[in-house]
């Protein structure tokens, strides 16, 4: 029924593998803006995350009026991602293990908003010792599109049974897209949406949520029979 007996891991970038909040916070600071702390950032609606939240919203809105100001902000964010942004602790080791593992297809599907996101991620991952060319795919989803058709296209393109496919993300939309395509969700609560928002507002099951990058790594390694998957959390 399925051409491949392999397994598939689809990774999200911002908030799951990459510490996007720190990069965005630094970008806003370069432009004289404050984005607030992580706890408040995680509770905002999507629009407010990039405008700094309700408390900082009026001052930030003034500074972002006009296309030129927005272009400057995104250009700075791109530079920060390429030169300064970091993967979460333990993620580079996890990604390297997934790439090296036989029979596991791994790559990134992201809605990253930097300029030329594929090149941005190539430079960021390279600073952490990871060659994105060694991944099986790197898909940049246009703003306004859902990830669902892209998840499905990746899986179907590789001919993998959805029961042997896993999606890692940090927002309820990642969970819904995984479910919609028949794949198993691994959701984290240290990214753009916190644990309470995921479980109480959107009904994401506690059982699929990892609270730390180390827990995500342990869960994935255990699922895929990779070393370090004993369930140890930090």
Protein backbone atom coordinates (compact mmCIF):
# COMPACT_ATOMS: atom_id res chain seq x y z
CA UNK A 1 0.00 0.00 0.00
CA UNK A 2 2.86 2.36 0.84
CA UNK A 3 6.09 2.36 -1.23
CA UNK A 4 8.29 3.10 1.78
CA UNK A 5 8.72 1.20 5.04
CA UNK A 6 10.49 4.21 6.51
CA UNK A 7 9.36 6.67 9.13
CA UNK A 8 8.92 10.41 8.87
CA UNK A 9 9.60 13.29 11.27
CA UNK A 10 8.39 16.78 10.30
CA UNK A 11 9.93 19.51 12.44
CA UNK A 12 8.66 23.03 12.94
CA UNK A 13 11.25 25.81 13.10
CA UNK A 14 10.13 28.83 15.15
CA UNK A 15 9.31 27.97 18.76
CA UNK A 16 9.97 24.24 18.41
CA UNK A 17 13.56 23.86 17.27
CA UNK A 18 14.55 27.57 17.22
CA UNK A 19 14.34 29.96 20.16
CA UNK A 20 12.29 32.41 18.12
CA UNK A 21 11.17 34.52 21.05
CA UNK A 22 14.73 35.56 21.90
CA UNK A 23 15.39 36.42 18.24
CA UNK A 24 12.21 38.49 17.96
CA UNK A 25 12.89 40.19 21.30
CA UNK A 26 16.38 41.16 20.13
CA UNK A 27 15.05 42.42 16.80
CA UNK A 28 12.46 44.64 18.47
CA UNK A 29 15.11 45.98 20.85
CA UNK A 30 17.32 46.98 17.90
CA UNK A 31 14.42 49.15 16.72
CA UNK A 32 13.74 50.63 20.15
CA UNK A 33 10.69 48.49 20.86
CA UNK A 34 9.79 46.17 23.73
CA UNK A 35 7.93 42.91 23.15
CA UNK A 36 7.32 41.98 26.78
CA UNK A 37 8.18 38.72 28.54
CA UNK A 38 7.72 35.17 27.26
CA UNK A 39 4.75 34.36 29.51
CA UNK A 40 2.71 37.25 28.11
CA UNK A 41 4.00 36.66 24.59
CA UNK A 42 2.64 33.10 24.64
CA UNK A 43 -0.86 34.23 25.62
CA UNK A 44 -1.35 36.84 22.89
CA UNK A 45 -3.26 36.47 19.70
CA UNK A 46 -1.00 35.88 16.71
CA UNK A 47 -1.09 39.50 15.51
CA UNK A 48 0.01 40.92 18.86
CA UNK A 49 3.06 38.65 19.05
CA UNK A 50 4.76 40.69 16.36
CA UNK A 51 3.39 44.04 17.52
CA UNK A 52 4.53 43.58 21.11
CA UNK A 53 1.28 42.83 22.91
CA UNK A 54 -1.46 45.04 24.27
CA UNK A 55 0.74 46.85 26.80
CA UNK A 56 3.38 47.87 24.24
CA UNK A 57 1.00 47.96 21.25
CA UNK A 58 0.42 51.74 20.82
CA UNK A 59 4.12 52.71 20.82
CA UNK A 60 5.07 49.79 18.58
CA UNK A 61 2.27 50.52 16.14
CA UNK A 62 3.54 54.06 15.64
CA UNK A 63 7.03 52.77 14.85
CA UNK A 64 5.75 50.16 12.39
CA UNK A 65 3.46 52.40 10.34
CA UNK A 66 4.30 52.13 6.67
CA UNK A 67 5.80 49.40 4.51
CA UNK A 68 9.32 50.78 4.81
CA UNK A 69 9.35 50.34 8.59
CA UNK A 70 8.04 46.79 8.28
CA UNK A 71 10.70 45.95 5.69
CA UNK A 72 13.38 47.24 8.05
CA UNK A 73 12.04 45.13 10.89
CA UNK A 74 12.00 41.95 8.81
CA UNK A 75 15.47 42.69 7.43
CA UNK A 76 16.80 43.00 10.98
CA UNK A 77 15.01 39.82 12.03
CA UNK A 78 16.66 38.03 9.11
CA UNK A 79 20.10 39.19 10.20
CA UNK A 80 19.44 38.15 13.79
CA UNK A 81 18.30 34.68 12.70
CA UNK A 82 21.29 34.15 10.45
CA UNK A 83 23.96 35.49 12.81
CA UNK A 84 22.65 35.19 16.38
CA UNK A 85 19.55 33.02 16.82
CA UNK A 86 19.97 29.71 18.59
CA UNK A 87 18.43 26.27 18.52
CA UNK A 88 16.95 25.20 21.83
CA UNK A 89 19.23 23.12 24.08
CA UNK A 90 19.52 19.53 22.92
CA UNK A 91 17.85 20.15 19.56
CA UNK A 92 21.02 20.10 17.44
CA UNK A 93 21.89 16.68 18.86
CA UNK A 94 18.37 15.44 18.19
CA UNK A 95 18.29 16.68 14.60
CA UNK A 96 21.74 15.23 13.92
CA UNK A 97 20.61 11.86 15.30
CA UNK A 98 17.48 11.91 13.14
CA UNK A 99 19.48 12.73 10.02
CA UNK A 100 21.97 9.95 10.74
CA UNK A 101 19.36 7.30 11.57
CA UNK A 102 18.68 4.74 8.86
CA UNK A 103 15.08 4.52 7.70
CA UNK A 104 14.03 7.90 9.14
CA UNK A 105 13.15 10.79 6.84
CA UNK A 106 13.41 14.18 8.52
CA UNK A 107 13.04 17.80 7.52
CA UNK A 108 11.44 21.14 8.33
CA UNK A 109 8.10 22.66 7.38
CA UNK A 110 7.98 26.27 8.53
CA UNK A 111 6.11 29.54 8.20
CA UNK A 112 9.25 31.55 8.95
CA UNK A 113 8.84 35.26 8.11
CA UNK A 114 12.47 36.17 7.42
CA UNK A 115 13.78 37.08 3.97
CA UNK A 116 14.61 33.97 1.91
CA UNK A 117 13.72 31.65 4.81
CA UNK A 118 15.41 28.58 3.32
CA UNK A 119 18.73 30.43 3.22
CA UNK A 120 18.10 31.88 6.67
CA UNK A 121 17.54 28.42 8.15
CA UNK A 122 20.51 27.01 6.26
CA UNK A 123 22.80 29.54 7.91
CA UNK A 124 21.24 29.14 11.35
CA UNK A 125 21.44 25.34 11.33
CA UNK A 126 24.96 25.42 9.89
CA UNK A 127 26.12 27.44 12.92
CA UNK A 128 24.91 24.49 15.00
CA UNK A 129 26.76 21.91 12.92
CA UNK A 130 23.76 20.79 10.84
CA UNK A 131 23.71 20.71 7.04
CA UNK A 132 20.16 21.32 5.82
CA UNK A 133 21.10 19.65 2.53
CA UNK A 134 21.33 16.41 4.51
CA UNK A 135 17.64 16.75 5.41
CA UNK A 136 15.01 15.19 3.18
CA UNK A 137 13.05 18.42 2.77
CA UNK A 138 12.85 22.05 3.84
CA UNK A 139 9.48 23.60 3.04
CA UNK A 140 8.63 27.27 3.53
CA UNK A 141 4.88 27.81 3.89
CA UNK A 142 3.61 31.19 2.61
CA UNK A 143 1.89 33.44 5.14
CA UNK A 144 -1.84 32.87 5.11
CA UNK A 145 -1.59 29.20 4.12
CA UNK A 146 -2.10 26.31 6.50
CA UNK A 147 0.51 23.61 6.91
CA UNK A 148 -1.98 20.80 6.27
CA UNK A 149 -1.47 20.42 2.49
CA UNK A 150 2.29 20.75 2.92
CA UNK A 151 2.38 18.00 5.56
CA UNK A 152 0.36 15.77 3.27
CA UNK A 153 2.52 16.54 0.23
CA UNK A 154 5.73 15.69 2.10
CA UNK A 155 4.36 12.40 3.39
CA UNK A 156 2.82 11.35 0.08
CA UNK A 157 5.94 12.36 -1.82
CA UNK A 158 8.00 10.00 0.34
CA UNK A 159 5.37 7.27 0.20
CA UNK A 160 5.18 6.83 3.97
CA UNK A 161 2.34 5.34 6.00
CA UNK A 162 0.74 8.17 8.06
CA UNK A 163 0.83 5.86 11.10
CA UNK A 164 4.64 5.99 10.82
CA UNK A 165 4.78 9.78 10.51
CA UNK A 166 5.27 12.36 13.27
CA UNK A 167 4.80 16.14 13.38
CA UNK A 168 6.56 18.36 15.92
CA UNK A 169 5.16 21.85 16.51
CA UNK A 170 4.44 24.50 19.13
CA UNK A 171 0.95 25.76 18.24
CA UNK A 172 -2.52 24.27 18.21
CA UNK A 173 -2.59 24.71 14.44
CA UNK A 174 0.32 22.27 14.18
CA UNK A 175 -1.68 19.78 16.23
CA UNK A 176 -4.75 20.19 14.03
CA UNK A 177 -2.71 19.88 10.82
CA UNK A 178 -1.06 16.70 12.08
CA UNK A 179 -4.41 15.15 12.99
CA UNK A 180 -5.95 16.24 9.67
CA UNK A 181 -3.25 14.36 7.78
CA UNK A 182 -3.36 11.22 9.91
CA UNK A 183 0.02 11.79 11.54
CA UNK A 184 1.06 11.70 15.18
CA UNK A 185 1.48 15.13 16.87
CA UNK A 186 4.34 16.01 19.21
CA UNK A 187 3.45 19.44 20.58
CA UNK A 188 5.67 21.61 22.79
CA UNK A 189 4.58 24.26 25.32
CA UNK A 190 7.82 26.25 25.49
CA UNK A 191 7.27 27.99 22.15
CA UNK A 192 4.56 30.37 20.91
CA UNK A 193 1.70 28.88 22.96
CA UNK A 194 1.95 27.89 26.60
CA UNK A 195 0.64 24.74 28.26
CA UNK A 196 -2.55 26.32 29.58
CA UNK A 197 -3.47 27.85 26.23
CA UNK A 198 -2.85 24.58 24.39
CA UNK A 199 -4.82 22.39 26.77
CA UNK A 200 -7.56 24.65 28.12
CA UNK A 201 -8.33 26.87 25.13
CA UNK A 202 -7.71 24.46 22.28
CA UNK A 203 -8.10 21.03 23.88
CA UNK A 204 -4.69 19.66 22.93
CA UNK A 205 -4.25 16.47 24.98
CA UNK A 206 -1.75 16.62 27.82
CA UNK A 207 -0.30 13.32 26.61
CA UNK A 208 1.14 14.80 23.41
CA UNK A 209 2.71 17.92 24.99
CA UNK A 210 6.38 18.29 25.92
CA UNK A 211 7.22 21.08 28.35
CA UNK A 212 10.95 21.28 27.52
CA UNK A 213 13.19 20.61 24.50
CA UNK A 214 14.77 17.73 26.45
CA UNK A 215 11.37 16.12 26.96
CA UNK A 216 10.58 16.45 23.26
CA UNK A 217 13.91 14.83 22.41
CA UNK A 218 13.37 11.98 24.88
CA UNK A 219 9.86 11.30 23.56
CA UNK A 220 10.94 11.26 19.94
CA UNK A 221 13.99 9.12 20.62
CA UNK A 222 11.86 6.63 22.57
CA UNK A 223 9.27 6.49 19.78
CA UNK A 224 11.92 5.94 17.12
CA UNK A 225 14.10 3.56 19.18
CA UNK A 226 17.03 5.97 19.15
CA UNK A 227 19.66 6.24 21.87
CA UNK A 228 18.69 8.61 24.66
CA UNK A 229 15.01 7.74 24.57
CA UNK A 230 14.70 6.32 28.07
CA UNK A 231 12.14 8.96 29.04
CA UNK A 232 14.70 11.00 30.96
CA UNK A 233 13.55 14.60 31.36
CA UNK A 234 15.44 17.67 32.49
